[in-house]
Structures are given as C-alpha cells and as structure tokens.
Amino acid sequence: KIKVEVVVAESQVDTALDAITKAARTGKIGDGKIFV
C-alpha cells in the first residue's frame, strides 16, 4: 500500500478528503482508509 500524509488548515480538510476519496476509489475491496 501507499501512505500519503498531508497537513492542512482546518478550512481545507473537507476539500482534501473529497479529492483523495474521489481519486483513490476503485469501488473494490482494498481501496484503503483515511485518518484525520
């Protein structure tokens, strides 16, 4: 797997989560997790 780490301002959290989720999703098992 790959672990991507970013530190963002509070105002950017939802935007970053949305961008990561859309880009990383395949719809299959093993797509991963995001921790904040």
All heavy atoms as atom14 arrays in JSON, in Angstrom:
{
  "sequence": "KIKVEVVVAESQVDTALDAITKAARTGKIGDGKIFV",
  "atom14_mask": [
    [1, 1, 1, 1, 1, 1, 1, 1, 1, 0, 0, 0, 0, 0],
    [1, 1, 1, 1, 1, 1, 1, 1, 0, 0, 0, 0, 0, 0],
    [1, 1, 1, 1, 1, 1, 1, 1, 1, 0, 0, 0, 0, 0],
    [1, 1, 1, 1, 1, 1, 1, 0, 0, 0, 0, 0, 0, 0],
    [1, 1, 1, 1, 1, 1, 1, 1, 1, 0, 0, 0, 0, 0],
    [1, 1, 1, 1, 1, 1, 1, 0, 0, 0, 0, 0, 0, 0],
    [1, 1, 1, 1, 1, 1, 1, 0, 0, 0, 0, 0, 0, 0],
    [1, 1, 1, 1, 1, 1, 1, 0, 0, 0, 0, 0, 0, 0],
    [1, 1, 1, 1, 1, 0, 0, 0, 0, 0, 0, 0, 0, 0],
    [1, 1, 1, 1, 1, 1, 1, 1, 1, 0, 0, 0, 0, 0],
    [1, 1, 1, 1, 1, 1, 0, 0, 0, 0, 0, 0, 0, 0],
    [1, 1, 1, 1, 1, 1, 1, 1, 1, 0, 0, 0, 0, 0],
    [1, 1, 1, 1, 1, 1, 1, 0, 0, 0, 0, 0, 0, 0],
    [1, 1, 1, 1, 1, 1, 1, 1, 0, 0, 0, 0, 0, 0],
    [1, 1, 1, 1, 1, 1, 1, 0, 0, 0, 0, 0, 0, 0],
    [1, 1, 1, 1, 1, 0, 0, 0, 0, 0, 0, 0, 0, 0],
    [1, 1, 1, 1, 1, 1, 1, 1, 0, 0, 0, 0, 0, 0],
    [1, 1, 1, 1, 1, 1, 1, 1, 0, 0, 0, 0, 0, 0],
    [1, 1, 1, 1, 1, 0, 0, 0, 0, 0, 0, 0, 0, 0],
    [1, 1, 1, 1, 1, 1, 1, 1, 0, 0, 0, 0, 0, 0],
    [1, 1, 1, 1, 1, 1, 1, 0, 0, 0, 0, 0, 0, 0],
    [1, 1, 1, 1, 1, 1, 1, 1, 1, 0, 0, 0, 0, 0],
    [1, 1, 1, 1, 1, 0, 0, 0, 0, 0, 0, 0, 0, 0],
    [1, 1, 1, 1, 1, 0, 0, 0, 0, 0, 0, 0, 0, 0],
    [1, 1, 1, 1, 1, 1, 1, 1, 1, 1, 1, 0, 0, 0],
    [1, 1, 1, 1, 1, 1, 1, 0, 0, 0, 0, 0, 0, 0],
    [1, 1, 1, 1, 0, 0, 0, 0, 0, 0, 0, 0, 0, 0],
    [1, 1, 1, 1, 1, 1, 1, 1, 1, 0, 0, 0, 0, 0],
    [1, 1, 1, 1, 1, 1, 1, 1, 0, 0, 0, 0, 0, 0],
    [1, 1, 1, 1, 0, 0, 0, 0, 0, 0, 0, 0, 0, 0],
    [1, 1, 1, 1, 1, 1, 1, 1, 0, 0, 0, 0, 0, 0],
    [1, 1, 1, 1, 0, 0, 0, 0, 0, 0, 0, 0, 0, 0],
    [1, 1, 1, 1, 1, 1, 1, 1, 1, 0, 0, 0, 0, 0],
    [1, 1, 1, 1, 1, 1, 1, 1, 0, 0, 0, 0, 0, 0],
    [1, 1, 1, 1, 1, 1, 1, 1, 1, 1, 1, 0, 0, 0],
    [1, 1, 1, 1, 1, 1, 1, 0, 0, 0, 0, 0, 0, 0]
  ],
  "atom14_positions": [
    [[0.86, -1.18, 0.0], [0.0, 0.0, 0.0], [0.9, 1.23, 0.0], [2.1, 1.14, 0.19], [-0.91, 0.04, 1.24], [-1.85, -1.14, 1.38], [-2.96, -1.1, 0.38], [-3.91, -2.28, 0.6], [-5.02, -2.24, -0.33], [0.0, 0.0, 0.0], [0.0, 0.0, 0.0], [0.0, 0.0, 0.0], [0.0, 0.0, 0.0], [0.0, 0.0, 0.0]],
    [[0.29, 2.39, -0.17], [0.99, 3.67, -0.1], [0.3, 4.5, 0.98], [-0.92, 4.56, 1.03], [0.91, 4.42, -1.45], [1.65, 3.65, -2.54], [1.45, 5.84, -1.32], [3.15, 3.63, -2.41], [0.0, 0.0, 0.0], [0.0, 0.0, 0.0], [0.0, 0.0, 0.0], [0.0, 0.0, 0.0], [0.0, 0.0, 0.0], [0.0, 0.0, 0.0]],
    [[1.12, 5.12, 1.84], [0.56, 6.05, 2.82], [0.92, 7.46, 2.39], [2.09, 7.79, 2.23], [1.1, 5.77, 4.23], [0.54, 6.75, 5.26], [0.73, 6.29, 6.69], [2.15, 6.37, 7.15], [2.26, 6.18, 8.61], [0.0, 0.0, 0.0], [0.0, 0.0, 0.0], [0.0, 0.0, 0.0], [0.0, 0.0, 0.0], [0.0, 0.0, 0.0]],
    [[-0.1, 8.28, 2.2], [0.06, 9.68, 1.83], [-0.29, 10.52, 3.04], [-1.36, 10.34, 3.64], [-0.86, 10.05, 0.65], [-0.73, 11.53, 0.3], [-0.57, 9.19, -0.56], [0.0, 0.0, 0.0], [0.0, 0.0, 0.0], [0.0, 0.0, 0.0], [0.0, 0.0, 0.0], [0.0, 0.0, 0.0], [0.0, 0.0, 0.0], [0.0, 0.0, 0.0]],
    [[0.61, 11.42, 3.44], [0.36, 12.27, 4.59], [0.42, 13.74, 4.17], [1.35, 14.15, 3.48], [1.43, 12.04, 5.67], [1.43, 10.62, 6.21], [2.6, 10.36, 7.13], [3.67, 9.97, 6.62], [2.43, 10.57, 8.35], [0.0, 0.0, 0.0], [0.0, 0.0, 0.0], [0.0, 0.0, 0.0], [0.0, 0.0, 0.0], [0.0, 0.0, 0.0]],
    [[-0.6, 14.5, 4.58], [-0.62, 15.95, 4.33], [-1.11, 16.65, 5.59], [-1.92, 16.11, 6.33], [-1.52, 16.34, 3.13], [-0.98, 15.81, 1.84], [-2.94, 15.88, 3.34], [0.0, 0.0, 0.0], [0.0, 0.0, 0.0], [0.0, 0.0, 0.0], [0.0, 0.0, 0.0], [0.0, 0.0, 0.0], [0.0, 0.0, 0.0], [0.0, 0.0, 0.0]],
    [[-0.58, 17.84, 5.83], [-1.07, 18.68, 6.92], [-1.73, 19.89, 6.27], [-1.12, 20.55, 5.43], [0.07, 19.1, 7.87], [-0.44, 20.05, 8.94], [0.7, 17.87, 8.52], [0.0, 0.0, 0.0], [0.0, 0.0, 0.0], [0.0, 0.0, 0.0], [0.0, 0.0, 0.0], [0.0, 0.0, 0.0], [0.0, 0.0, 0.0], [0.0, 0.0, 0.0]],
    [[-2.97, 20.14, 6.66], [-3.74, 21.22, 6.04], [-4.41, 22.08, 7.1], [-4.57, 21.66, 8.25], [-4.82, 20.67, 5.08], [-4.19, 19.89, 3.94], [-5.83, 19.81, 5.82], [0.0, 0.0, 0.0], [0.0, 0.0, 0.0], [0.0, 0.0, 0.0], [0.0, 0.0, 0.0], [0.0, 0.0, 0.0], [0.0, 0.0, 0.0], [0.0, 0.0, 0.0]],
    [[-4.8, 23.28, 6.68], [-5.58, 24.15, 7.56], [-6.97, 23.56, 7.73], [-7.44, 22.79, 6.89], [-5.67, 25.55, 6.96], [0.0, 0.0, 0.0], [0.0, 0.0, 0.0], [0.0, 0.0, 0.0], [0.0, 0.0, 0.0], [0.0, 0.0, 0.0], [0.0, 0.0, 0.0], [0.0, 0.0, 0.0], [0.0, 0.0, 0.0], [0.0, 0.0, 0.0]],
    [[-7.63, 23.91, 8.83], [-8.98, 23.4, 9.11], [-9.91, 23.61, 7.92], [-10.74, 22.76, 7.61], [-9.56, 24.09, 10.35], [-8.77, 23.9, 11.62], [-9.17, 22.67, 12.41], [-10.23, 22.08, 12.12], [-8.41, 22.3, 13.32], [0.0, 0.0, 0.0], [0.0, 0.0, 0.0], [0.0, 0.0, 0.0], [0.0, 0.0, 0.0], [0.0, 0.0, 0.0]],
    [[-9.77, 24.75, 7.26], [-10.67, 25.1, 6.16], [-10.48, 24.21, 4.93], [-11.34, 24.15, 4.07], [-10.48, 26.56, 5.77], [-9.14, 26.78, 5.35], [0.0, 0.0, 0.0], [0.0, 0.0, 0.0], [0.0, 0.0, 0.0], [0.0, 0.0, 0.0], [0.0, 0.0, 0.0], [0.0, 0.0, 0.0], [0.0, 0.0, 0.0], [0.0, 0.0, 0.0]],
    [[-9.34, 23.52, 4.83], [-9.05, 22.68, 3.66], [-9.34, 21.2, 3.88], [-9.23, 20.42, 2.94], [-7.57, 22.82, 3.28], [-7.18, 24.17, 2.75], [-5.71, 24.19, 2.39], [-4.86, 23.96, 3.25], [-5.42, 24.45, 1.13], [0.0, 0.0, 0.0], [0.0, 0.0, 0.0], [0.0, 0.0, 0.0], [0.0, 0.0, 0.0], [0.0, 0.0, 0.0]],
    [[-9.73, 20.82, 5.08], [-9.89, 19.39, 5.4], [-10.93, 18.73, 4.5], [-10.65, 17.7, 3.87], [-10.24, 19.19, 6.89], [-10.6, 17.74, 7.17], [-9.08, 19.62, 7.76], [0.0, 0.0, 0.0], [0.0, 0.0, 0.0], [0.0, 0.0, 0.0], [0.0, 0.0, 0.0], [0.0, 0.0, 0.0], [0.0, 0.0, 0.0], [0.0, 0.0, 0.0]],
    [[-12.12, 19.28, 4.42], [-13.17, 18.64, 3.62], [-12.81, 18.57, 2.15], [-13.06, 17.57, 1.48], [-14.5, 19.38, 3.81], [-15.07, 19.18, 5.21], [-14.75, 18.16, 5.84], [-15.84, 20.06, 5.67], [0.0, 0.0, 0.0], [0.0, 0.0, 0.0], [0.0, 0.0, 0.0], [0.0, 0.0, 0.0], [0.0, 0.0, 0.0], [0.0, 0.0, 0.0]],
    [[-12.19, 19.62, 1.64], [-11.76, 19.65, 0.23], [-10.72, 18.56, -0.03], [-10.8, 17.84, -1.03], [-11.16, 21.03, -0.11], [-12.11, 22.04, 0.21], [-10.79, 21.12, -1.57], [0.0, 0.0, 0.0], [0.0, 0.0, 0.0], [0.0, 0.0, 0.0], [0.0, 0.0, 0.0], [0.0, 0.0, 0.0], [0.0, 0.0, 0.0], [0.0, 0.0, 0.0]],
    [[-9.75, 18.43, 0.88], [-8.71, 17.42, 0.73], [-9.28, 16.01, 0.82], [-8.94, 15.14, 0.02], [-7.62, 17.61, 1.78], [0.0, 0.0, 0.0], [0.0, 0.0, 0.0], [0.0, 0.0, 0.0], [0.0, 0.0, 0.0], [0.0, 0.0, 0.0], [0.0, 0.0, 0.0], [0.0, 0.0, 0.0], [0.0, 0.0, 0.0], [0.0, 0.0, 0.0]],
    [[-10.17, 15.78, 1.78], [-10.79, 14.46, 1.93], [-11.57, 14.08, 0.68], [-11.49, 12.94, 0.2], [-11.72, 14.43, 3.15], [-11.04, 14.47, 4.51], [-12.08, 14.57, 5.61], [-10.15, 13.26, 4.71], [0.0, 0.0, 0.0], [0.0, 0.0, 0.0], [0.0, 0.0, 0.0], [0.0, 0.0, 0.0], [0.0, 0.0, 0.0], [0.0, 0.0, 0.0]],
    [[-12.31, 15.03, 0.14], [-13.1, 14.77, -1.07], [-12.19, 14.45, -2.25], [-12.44, 13.51, -3.01], [-13.97, 16.0, -1.37], [-14.98, 15.72, -2.46], [-15.67, 14.68, -2.37], [-15.09, 16.54, -3.38], [0.0, 0.0, 0.0], [0.0, 0.0, 0.0], [0.0, 0.0, 0.0], [0.0, 0.0, 0.0], [0.0, 0.0, 0.0], [0.0, 0.0, 0.0]],
    [[-11.1, 15.2, -2.4], [-10.17, 14.98, -3.5], [-9.51, 13.6, -3.4], [-9.42, 12.87, -4.4], [-9.09, 16.07, -3.51], [0.0, 0.0, 0.0], [0.0, 0.0, 0.0], [0.0, 0.0, 0.0], [0.0, 0.0, 0.0], [0.0, 0.0, 0.0], [0.0, 0.0, 0.0], [0.0, 0.0, 0.0], [0.0, 0.0, 0.0], [0.0, 0.0, 0.0]],
    [[-9.07, 13.23, -2.21], [-8.42, 11.92, -2.01], [-9.41, 10.8, -2.27], [-9.1, 9.83, -2.96], [-7.83, 11.81, -0.59], [-6.68, 12.79, -0.41], [-7.35, 10.38, -0.32], [-6.22, 12.95, 1.02], [0.0, 0.0, 0.0], [0.0, 0.0, 0.0], [0.0, 0.0, 0.0], [0.0, 0.0, 0.0], [0.0, 0.0, 0.0], [0.0, 0.0, 0.0]],
    [[-10.6, 10.93, -1.71], [-11.62, 9.87, -1.85], [-11.97, 9.63, -3.32], [-12.0, 8.49, -3.78], [-12.88, 10.24, -1.06], [-12.53, 10.43, 0.31], [-13.92, 9.14, -1.15], [0.0, 0.0, 0.0], [0.0, 0.0, 0.0], [0.0, 0.0, 0.0], [0.0, 0.0, 0.0], [0.0, 0.0, 0.0], [0.0, 0.0, 0.0], [0.0, 0.0, 0.0]],
    [[-12.21, 10.7, -4.05], [-12.58, 10.55, -5.47], [-11.42, 9.97, -6.29], [-11.64, 9.13, -7.16], [-13.0, 11.9, -6.05], [-14.37, 12.33, -5.59], [-14.75, 13.67, -6.18], [-16.12, 14.1, -5.67], [-16.45, 15.47, -6.12], [0.0, 0.0, 0.0], [0.0, 0.0, 0.0], [0.0, 0.0, 0.0], [0.0, 0.0, 0.0], [0.0, 0.0, 0.0]],
    [[-10.2, 10.39, -6.02], [-9.05, 9.94, -6.8], [-8.65, 8.51, -6.47], [-8.2, 7.77, -7.35], [-7.87, 10.87, -6.58], [0.0, 0.0, 0.0], [0.0, 0.0, 0.0], [0.0, 0.0, 0.0], [0.0, 0.0, 0.0], [0.0, 0.0, 0.0], [0.0, 0.0, 0.0], [0.0, 0.0, 0.0], [0.0, 0.0, 0.0], [0.0, 0.0, 0.0]],
    [[-8.83, 8.08, -5.22], [-8.35, 6.76, -4.8], [-9.39, 5.66, -4.95], [-9.04, 4.48, -4.9], [-7.87, 6.82, -3.35], [0.0, 0.0, 0.0], [0.0, 0.0, 0.0], [0.0, 0.0, 0.0], [0.0, 0.0, 0.0], [0.0, 0.0, 0.0], [0.0, 0.0, 0.0], [0.0, 0.0, 0.0], [0.0, 0.0, 0.0], [0.0, 0.0, 0.0]],
    [[-10.63, 6.01, -5.16], [-11.7, 5.0, -5.18], [-11.69, 4.18, -6.47], [-11.64, 4.72, -7.56], [-13.06, 5.69, -5.04], [-14.23, 4.69, -5.07], [-15.56, 5.36, -4.89], [-15.68, 5.79, -3.51], [-16.24, 6.93, -3.15], [-16.73, 7.75, -4.04], [-16.32, 7.25, -1.87], [0.0, 0.0, 0.0], [0.0, 0.0, 0.0], [0.0, 0.0, 0.0]],
    [[-11.72, 2.85, -6.31], [-11.92, 1.95, -7.44], [-13.27, 1.25, -7.33], [-13.75, 0.68, -8.29], [-10.82, 0.86, -7.52], [-10.95, 0.0, -6.38], [-9.44, 1.45, -7.59], [0.0, 0.0, 0.0], [0.0, 0.0, 0.0], [0.0, 0.0, 0.0], [0.0, 0.0, 0.0], [0.0, 0.0, 0.0], [0.0, 0.0, 0.0], [0.0, 0.0, 0.0]],
    [[-13.82, 1.27, -6.12], [-15.08, 0.57, -5.88], [-14.89, -0.88, -5.48], [-15.86, -1.6, -5.28], [0.0, 0.0, 0.0], [0.0, 0.0, 0.0], [0.0, 0.0, 0.0], [0.0, 0.0, 0.0], [0.0, 0.0, 0.0], [0.0, 0.0, 0.0], [0.0, 0.0, 0.0], [0.0, 0.0, 0.0], [0.0, 0.0, 0.0], [0.0, 0.0, 0.0]],
    [[-13.64, -1.29, -5.34], [-13.35, -2.68, -4.98], [-12.75, -2.73, -3.59], [-12.24, -1.73, -3.07], [-12.4, -3.3, -5.99], [-12.98, -3.36, -7.38], [-12.0, -3.94, -8.36], [-12.65, -3.95, -9.75], [-11.69, -4.19, -10.8], [0.0, 0.0, 0.0], [0.0, 0.0, 0.0], [0.0, 0.0, 0.0], [0.0, 0.0, 0.0], [0.0, 0.0, 0.0]],
    [[-12.77, -3.91, -3.01], [-12.21, -4.1, -1.67], [-10.72, -3.73, -1.7], [-10.03, -3.96, -2.68], [-12.43, -5.55, -1.18], [-12.14, -5.68, 0.3], [-11.62, -6.52, -2.0], [-12.66, -6.95, 0.93], [0.0, 0.0, 0.0], [0.0, 0.0, 0.0], [0.0, 0.0, 0.0], [0.0, 0.0, 0.0], [0.0, 0.0, 0.0], [0.0, 0.0, 0.0]],
    [[-10.25, -3.12, -0.61], [-8.84, -2.75, -0.51], [-8.52, -1.34, -0.98], [-7.36, -0.99, -1.13], [0.0, 0.0, 0.0], [0.0, 0.0, 0.0], [0.0, 0.0, 0.0], [0.0, 0.0, 0.0], [0.0, 0.0, 0.0], [0.0, 0.0, 0.0], [0.0, 0.0, 0.0], [0.0, 0.0, 0.0], [0.0, 0.0, 0.0], [0.0, 0.0, 0.0]],
    [[-9.55, -0.51, -1.21], [-9.31, 0.87, -1.64], [-8.57, 1.68, -0.59], [-7.88, 2.62, -0.93], [-10.63, 1.57, -1.98], [-11.06, 1.31, -3.41], [-10.28, 0.71, -4.17], [-12.18, 1.7, -3.76], [0.0, 0.0, 0.0], [0.0, 0.0, 0.0], [0.0, 0.0, 0.0], [0.0, 0.0, 0.0], [0.0, 0.0, 0.0], [0.0, 0.0, 0.0]],
    [[-8.71, 1.32, 0.68], [-7.94, 1.99, 1.73], [-8.79, 2.74, 2.74], [-10.01, 2.6, 2.78], [0.0, 0.0, 0.0], [0.0, 0.0, 0.0], [0.0, 0.0, 0.0], [0.0, 0.0, 0.0], [0.0, 0.0, 0.0], [0.0, 0.0, 0.0], [0.0, 0.0, 0.0], [0.0, 0.0, 0.0], [0.0, 0.0, 0.0], [0.0, 0.0, 0.0]],
    [[-8.1, 3.54, 3.54], [-8.74, 4.32, 4.6], [-8.07, 5.67, 4.69], [-6.94, 5.85, 4.27], [-8.59, 3.61, 5.94], [-9.41, 2.35, 6.07], [-9.86, 2.17, 7.49], [-10.81, 1.03, 7.7], [-10.69, -0.14, 6.92], [0.0, 0.0, 0.0], [0.0, 0.0, 0.0], [0.0, 0.0, 0.0], [0.0, 0.0, 0.0], [0.0, 0.0, 0.0]],
    [[-8.81, 6.62, 5.29], [-8.27, 7.95, 5.54], [-8.45, 8.25, 7.02], [-9.52, 8.05, 7.57], [-8.99, 9.03, 4.7], [-8.86, 8.71, 3.21], [-8.42, 10.41, 5.01], [-9.67, 9.64, 2.31], [0.0, 0.0, 0.0], [0.0, 0.0, 0.0], [0.0, 0.0, 0.0], [0.0, 0.0, 0.0], [0.0, 0.0, 0.0], [0.0, 0.0, 0.0]],
    [[-7.38, 8.73, 7.65], [-7.41, 9.1, 9.06], [-7.12, 10.59, 9.19], [-6.21, 11.1, 8.53], [-6.35, 8.32, 9.86], [-6.47, 6.82, 9.69], [-5.67, 6.16, 8.78], [-7.38, 6.1, 10.44], [-5.77, 4.78, 8.61], [-7.49, 4.72, 10.27], [-6.68, 4.07, 9.36], [0.0, 0.0, 0.0], [0.0, 0.0, 0.0], [0.0, 0.0, 0.0]],
    [[-7.88, 11.27, 10.04], [-7.67, 12.7, 10.26], [-7.39, 12.91, 11.74], [-8.16, 12.47, 12.59], [-8.91, 13.52, 9.84], [-8.67, 15.0, 10.08], [-9.27, 13.26, 8.39], [0.0, 0.0, 0.0], [0.0, 0.0, 0.0], [0.0, 0.0, 0.0], [0.0, 0.0, 0.0], [0.0, 0.0, 0.0], [0.0, 0.0, 0.0], [0.0, 0.0, 0.0]]
  ]
}
